[in-house]
Protein backbone atom coordinates (compact mmCIF):
# COMPACT_ATOMS: atom_id res chain seq x y z
CA MET A 1 -32.97 205.76 44.09
CA ALA A 2 -34.48 208.38 41.77
CA SER A 3 -31.75 210.85 42.72
CA ILE A 4 -28.99 208.33 42.11
CA LEU A 5 -30.38 207.38 38.70
CA LYS A 6 -30.76 211.03 37.67
CA ALA A 7 -27.17 211.74 38.76
CA MET A 8 -25.88 208.80 36.73
CA TYR A 9 -28.16 209.35 33.72
CA PRO A 10 -29.23 213.01 33.59
CA ARG A 11 -31.35 212.54 30.45
CA LEU A 12 -33.32 209.61 31.92
CA ARG A 13 -36.94 210.43 32.62
CA VAL A 14 -37.82 209.27 36.12
CA ALA A 15 -41.18 209.34 37.88
CA ILE A 16 -42.22 208.64 41.43
CA ILE A 17 -45.63 207.01 41.67
CA TYR A 18 -47.30 207.47 45.03
CA VAL A 19 -49.96 205.01 46.20
CA PRO A 20 -51.43 204.98 49.72
CA GLU A 21 -48.62 204.37 52.24
CA HIS A 22 -46.11 203.41 49.52
CA ALA A 23 -44.15 204.68 46.50
CA LEU A 24 -42.82 203.14 43.29
CA ILE A 25 -40.37 204.37 40.70
CA GLY A 26 -41.06 204.63 36.99
CA LEU A 27 -38.35 204.78 34.34
CA ASN A 28 -38.88 205.82 30.74
CA VAL A 29 -36.78 203.01 29.27
CA SER A 30 -37.23 200.35 26.60
CA HIS A 31 -39.59 197.68 27.81
CA LEU A 32 -41.05 194.32 26.92
CA SER A 33 -44.74 193.87 26.27
CA THR A 34 -44.99 191.85 29.49
CA ASP A 35 -43.43 194.58 31.68
CA TYR A 36 -45.73 196.50 34.02
CA LYS A 37 -45.80 200.08 32.80
CA LEU A 38 -47.79 203.25 33.29
CA GLN A 39 -48.37 205.96 30.71
CA ILE A 40 -47.65 209.45 32.01
CA ASP A 41 -47.94 212.49 29.73
CA GLY A 42 -47.88 210.24 26.66
CA LEU A 43 -44.73 208.32 27.65
CA ASP A 44 -44.49 204.76 28.99
CA TYR A 45 -42.72 204.38 32.33
CA THR A 46 -41.66 200.89 33.39
CA LEU A 47 -42.46 200.50 37.08
CA ALA A 48 -40.33 199.03 39.84
CA GLU A 49 -40.61 198.59 43.61
CA PRO A 50 -37.27 199.83 44.97
CA THR A 51 -38.57 200.14 48.54
CA GLY A 52 -39.74 196.57 49.08
CA PRO A 53 -41.24 195.15 51.28
CA ARG A 54 -39.78 192.12 49.48
CA MET A 55 -37.46 191.61 46.52
CA ILE A 56 -39.40 191.99 43.26
CA LYS A 57 -37.86 191.96 39.78
CA PHE A 58 -37.62 195.21 37.83
CA SER A 59 -40.81 195.77 35.79
CA GLU A 60 -42.92 193.75 38.24
CA ILE A 61 -44.90 195.29 41.08
CA SER A 62 -46.84 193.94 44.03
CA GLU A 63 -50.50 193.00 43.73
CA ARG A 64 -51.35 195.71 46.26
CA SER A 65 -49.67 198.39 44.13
CA LYS A 66 -51.39 197.06 40.99
CA LYS A 67 -54.80 197.40 42.65
CA PHE A 68 -54.17 201.04 43.56
CA ILE A 69 -52.83 201.93 40.10
CA GLU A 70 -55.58 200.11 38.22
CA SER A 71 -58.23 201.86 40.33
CA GLY A 72 -56.61 205.26 39.72
CA MET A 73 -55.56 205.77 43.35
CA TYR A 74 -52.11 207.19 42.67
CA GLN A 75 -50.24 210.42 42.05
CA THR A 76 -47.14 210.97 39.96
CA GLU A 77 -44.16 213.30 40.16
CA ILE A 78 -41.75 213.60 37.20
CA PHE A 79 -38.06 214.34 37.78
């Protein structure tokens, strides 16, 4: 998904957020105050779960992913 988005929107900042046994995508786009976002290098990235395991709306993430991110158990890679 990150590759497709970068091909379509080359100037879009995209991040992959790795948590144990899972990955999320972060997009540096306009967001609402209620959107789940993560600050990386001073920029806000709205998070999404493009890999499932179930359908979740953009800017919402699973409770499991939230626990890992809020406890600092994640790594990021910027594209």
